[in-house]
Amino acid sequence: MRYVAAYLLAVLGGNESPTSKDLKKILDSVGIETDDERLNKVISELNGKNIEDVIAQGKLVPVPAGFRLWTTLYWKT
């Protein structure tokens, strides 16, 4: 989920095609270590796709995150 969030942040920041280096930079800035396999999976699934369309198609859906009141993104497979 953290990789999807980083991807979305990059896209919202104007980067239409984020790379693993871009996402690692975002995640490193908040102290999150990355798993290259998972990171590359997210990039391969989302790269070249319009994020708004992916969300509209229900591929990324908000789900409750435990007992927290806020939601997080879940990659729906």
N, C-alpha and C. Protein backbone atom coordinates (compact mmCIF):
# COMPACT_ATOMS: atom_id res chain seq x y z
N MET A 1 0.81 -1.19 0.00
CA MET A 1 0.00 0.00 0.00
C MET A 1 0.86 1.25 0.00
N ARG A 2 1.99 1.16 0.67
CA ARG A 2 2.87 2.33 0.70
C ARG A 2 3.43 2.64 -0.68
N TYR A 3 3.59 1.61 -1.50
CA TYR A 3 4.12 1.81 -2.84
C TYR A 3 3.08 2.47 -3.75
N VAL A 4 1.84 2.07 -3.58
CA VAL A 4 0.76 2.70 -4.33
C VAL A 4 0.63 4.16 -3.92
N ALA A 5 0.71 4.42 -2.62
CA ALA A 5 0.61 5.79 -2.13
C ALA A 5 1.75 6.64 -2.68
N ALA A 6 2.96 6.10 -2.70
CA ALA A 6 4.10 6.84 -3.25
C ALA A 6 3.90 7.10 -4.74
N TYR A 7 3.38 6.10 -5.45
CA TYR A 7 3.11 6.27 -6.88
C TYR A 7 2.10 7.39 -7.10
N LEU A 8 1.04 7.38 -6.32
CA LEU A 8 0.01 8.42 -6.44
C LEU A 8 0.57 9.80 -6.10
N LEU A 9 1.41 9.88 -5.09
CA LEU A 9 2.03 11.16 -4.75
C LEU A 9 2.89 11.68 -5.90
N ALA A 10 3.64 10.78 -6.52
CA ALA A 10 4.47 11.18 -7.65
C ALA A 10 3.62 11.69 -8.81
N VAL A 11 2.53 10.98 -9.10
CA VAL A 11 1.64 11.40 -10.19
C VAL A 11 0.99 12.74 -9.86
N LEU A 12 0.52 12.89 -8.63
CA LEU A 12 -0.09 14.16 -8.21
C LEU A 12 0.91 15.30 -8.27
N GLY A 13 2.19 14.97 -8.11
CA GLY A 13 3.24 15.97 -8.19
C GLY A 13 3.65 16.31 -9.61
N GLY A 14 3.01 15.68 -10.59
CA GLY A 14 3.28 16.01 -11.99
C GLY A 14 4.10 15.00 -12.75
N ASN A 15 4.54 13.94 -12.10
CA ASN A 15 5.33 12.90 -12.77
C ASN A 15 4.36 11.84 -13.31
N GLU A 16 4.12 11.86 -14.60
CA GLU A 16 3.13 10.96 -15.19
C GLU A 16 3.61 9.51 -15.28
N SER A 17 4.92 9.29 -15.19
CA SER A 17 5.46 7.94 -15.30
C SER A 17 6.59 7.76 -14.29
N PRO A 18 6.25 7.62 -13.01
CA PRO A 18 7.27 7.48 -11.98
C PRO A 18 8.10 6.21 -12.12
N THR A 19 9.38 6.33 -11.81
CA THR A 19 10.28 5.17 -11.84
C THR A 19 10.50 4.68 -10.42
N SER A 20 11.17 3.55 -10.28
CA SER A 20 11.47 3.03 -8.95
C SER A 20 12.34 4.02 -8.18
N LYS A 21 13.24 4.70 -8.88
CA LYS A 21 14.08 5.71 -8.23
C LYS A 21 13.23 6.83 -7.65
N ASP A 22 12.22 7.27 -8.41
CA ASP A 22 11.32 8.32 -7.93
C ASP A 22 10.57 7.89 -6.67
N LEU A 23 10.06 6.67 -6.69
CA LEU A 23 9.28 6.18 -5.55
C LEU A 23 10.17 5.94 -4.34
N LYS A 24 11.38 5.44 -4.58
CA LYS A 24 12.32 5.23 -3.46
C LYS A 24 12.65 6.56 -2.80
N LYS A 25 12.80 7.60 -3.59
CA LYS A 25 13.11 8.92 -3.05
C LYS A 25 11.98 9.40 -2.13
N ILE A 26 10.74 9.19 -2.57
CA ILE A 26 9.57 9.57 -1.76
C ILE A 26 9.54 8.77 -0.47
N LEU A 27 9.70 7.46 -0.58
CA LEU A 27 9.62 6.59 0.60
C LEU A 27 10.80 6.81 1.55
N ASP A 28 11.99 7.01 1.00
CA ASP A 28 13.16 7.27 1.83
C ASP A 28 13.01 8.56 2.62
N SER A 29 12.30 9.53 2.04
CA SER A 29 12.14 10.83 2.70
C SER A 29 11.36 10.72 4.01
N VAL A 30 10.60 9.65 4.16
CA VAL A 30 9.84 9.44 5.40
C VAL A 30 10.31 8.20 6.15
N GLY A 31 11.50 7.71 5.79
CA GLY A 31 12.11 6.61 6.54
C GLY A 31 11.57 5.23 6.25
N ILE A 32 10.97 5.03 5.09
CA ILE A 32 10.42 3.72 4.75
C ILE A 32 11.39 2.98 3.84
N GLU A 33 11.79 1.78 4.26
CA GLU A 33 12.65 0.93 3.43
C GLU A 33 11.79 0.31 2.34
N THR A 34 12.39 0.05 1.19
CA THR A 34 11.62 -0.47 0.08
C THR A 34 11.97 -1.91 -0.24
N ASP A 35 10.98 -2.61 -0.73
CA ASP A 35 11.13 -3.97 -1.24
C ASP A 35 11.06 -3.83 -2.76
N ASP A 36 12.18 -4.03 -3.43
CA ASP A 36 12.24 -3.80 -4.88
C ASP A 36 11.22 -4.62 -5.66
N GLU A 37 10.96 -5.84 -5.23
CA GLU A 37 10.00 -6.69 -5.94
C GLU A 37 8.60 -6.09 -5.89
N ARG A 38 8.18 -5.68 -4.72
CA ARG A 38 6.85 -5.07 -4.58
C ARG A 38 6.76 -3.73 -5.29
N LEU A 39 7.83 -2.96 -5.16
CA LEU A 39 7.88 -1.65 -5.81
C LEU A 39 7.74 -1.79 -7.32
N ASN A 40 8.49 -2.72 -7.89
CA ASN A 40 8.44 -2.94 -9.34
C ASN A 40 7.10 -3.50 -9.79
N LYS A 41 6.45 -4.28 -8.93
CA LYS A 41 5.12 -4.82 -9.24
C LYS A 41 4.11 -3.67 -9.39
N VAL A 42 4.14 -2.73 -8.45
CA VAL A 42 3.23 -1.59 -8.50
C VAL A 42 3.50 -0.77 -9.76
N ILE A 43 4.76 -0.51 -10.03
CA ILE A 43 5.12 0.28 -11.21
C ILE A 43 4.65 -0.42 -12.48
N SER A 44 4.87 -1.73 -12.58
CA SER A 44 4.47 -2.44 -13.80
C SER A 44 2.96 -2.46 -13.98
N GLU A 45 2.22 -2.50 -12.87
CA GLU A 45 0.76 -2.52 -12.95
C GLU A 45 0.16 -1.15 -13.30
N LEU A 46 0.81 -0.09 -12.85
CA LEU A 46 0.23 1.25 -13.01
C LEU A 46 0.87 2.08 -14.12
N ASN A 47 2.10 1.77 -14.48
CA ASN A 47 2.82 2.60 -15.44
C ASN A 47 2.09 2.66 -16.79
N GLY A 48 1.94 3.88 -17.26
CA GLY A 48 1.28 4.10 -18.54
C GLY A 48 -0.24 4.16 -18.47
N LYS A 49 -0.78 3.99 -17.28
CA LYS A 49 -2.23 4.05 -17.12
C LYS A 49 -2.63 5.38 -16.49
N ASN A 50 -3.79 5.85 -16.85
CA ASN A 50 -4.34 7.06 -16.26
C ASN A 50 -4.88 6.70 -14.88
N ILE A 51 -4.31 7.32 -13.85
CA ILE A 51 -4.67 6.97 -12.47
C ILE A 51 -6.16 7.19 -12.20
N GLU A 52 -6.71 8.28 -12.73
CA GLU A 52 -8.13 8.55 -12.53
C GLU A 52 -8.99 7.42 -13.11
N ASP A 53 -8.56 6.90 -14.26
CA ASP A 53 -9.29 5.79 -14.88
C ASP A 53 -9.17 4.51 -14.05
N VAL A 54 -7.98 4.26 -13.52
CA VAL A 54 -7.77 3.07 -12.69
C VAL A 54 -8.67 3.12 -11.46
N ILE A 55 -8.72 4.29 -10.83
CA ILE A 55 -9.57 4.45 -9.64
C ILE A 55 -11.04 4.30 -10.02
N ALA A 56 -11.45 4.92 -11.13
CA ALA A 56 -12.84 4.85 -11.58
C ALA A 56 -13.26 3.42 -11.90
N GLN A 57 -12.33 2.61 -12.38
CA GLN A 57 -12.63 1.21 -12.72
C GLN A 57 -12.68 0.32 -11.49
N GLY A 58 -12.34 0.89 -10.33
CA GLY A 58 -12.39 0.11 -9.09
C GLY A 58 -11.14 -0.71 -8.84
N LYS A 59 -10.05 -0.42 -9.54
CA LYS A 59 -8.81 -1.17 -9.32
C LYS A 59 -8.10 -0.71 -8.05
N LEU A 60 -8.27 0.54 -7.68
CA LEU A 60 -7.76 1.07 -6.42
C LEU A 60 -8.97 1.51 -5.63
N VAL A 61 -9.16 0.90 -4.48
CA VAL A 61 -10.34 1.24 -3.70
C VAL A 61 -9.94 1.59 -2.27
N PRO A 62 -10.63 2.53 -1.64
CA PRO A 62 -10.35 2.85 -0.24
C PRO A 62 -10.89 1.74 0.65
N VAL A 63 -10.09 1.34 1.63
CA VAL A 63 -10.52 0.33 2.59
C VAL A 63 -10.14 0.79 3.99
N PRO A 64 -10.88 0.35 5.00
CA PRO A 64 -10.52 0.71 6.38
C PRO A 64 -9.15 0.13 6.73
N ALA A 65 -8.39 0.87 7.50
CA ALA A 65 -7.06 0.41 7.91
C ALA A 65 -7.09 0.08 9.40
N GLY A 66 -7.54 -1.12 9.73
CA GLY A 66 -7.62 -1.53 11.12
C GLY A 66 -8.63 -0.71 11.88
N PHE A 67 -8.24 -0.25 13.05
CA PHE A 67 -9.15 0.55 13.87
C PHE A 67 -9.02 2.04 13.59
N ARG A 68 -8.17 2.40 12.68
CA ARG A 68 -7.99 3.81 12.38
C ARG A 68 -9.21 4.37 11.67
N LEU A 69 -9.43 5.64 11.82
CA LEU A 69 -10.59 6.29 11.20
C LEU A 69 -10.32 6.71 9.77
N TRP A 70 -9.07 6.78 9.38
CA TRP A 70 -8.74 7.16 8.02
C TRP A 70 -8.65 5.93 7.14
N THR A 71 -8.62 6.13 5.85
CA THR A 71 -8.52 5.01 4.94
C THR A 71 -7.18 5.00 4.24
N THR A 72 -6.86 3.88 3.69
CA THR A 72 -5.62 3.72 2.93
C THR A 72 -5.98 3.07 1.60
N LEU A 73 -5.05 3.06 0.70
CA LEU A 73 -5.31 2.48 -0.61
C LEU A 73 -4.93 1.02 -0.64
N TYR A 74 -5.74 0.25 -1.28
CA TYR A 74 -5.52 -1.18 -1.38
C TYR A 74 -5.51 -1.55 -2.86
N TRP A 75 -4.50 -2.27 -3.29
CA TRP A 75 -4.43 -2.72 -4.67
C TRP A 75 -5.33 -3.93 -4.83
N LYS A 76 -6.42 -3.77 -5.50
CA LYS A 76 -7.42 -4.82 -5.66
C LYS A 76 -7.02 -5.73 -6.81
N THR A 77 -6.78 -6.99 -6.50
CA THR A 77 -6.39 -7.94 -7.55
C THR A 77 -7.47 -8.95 -7.80
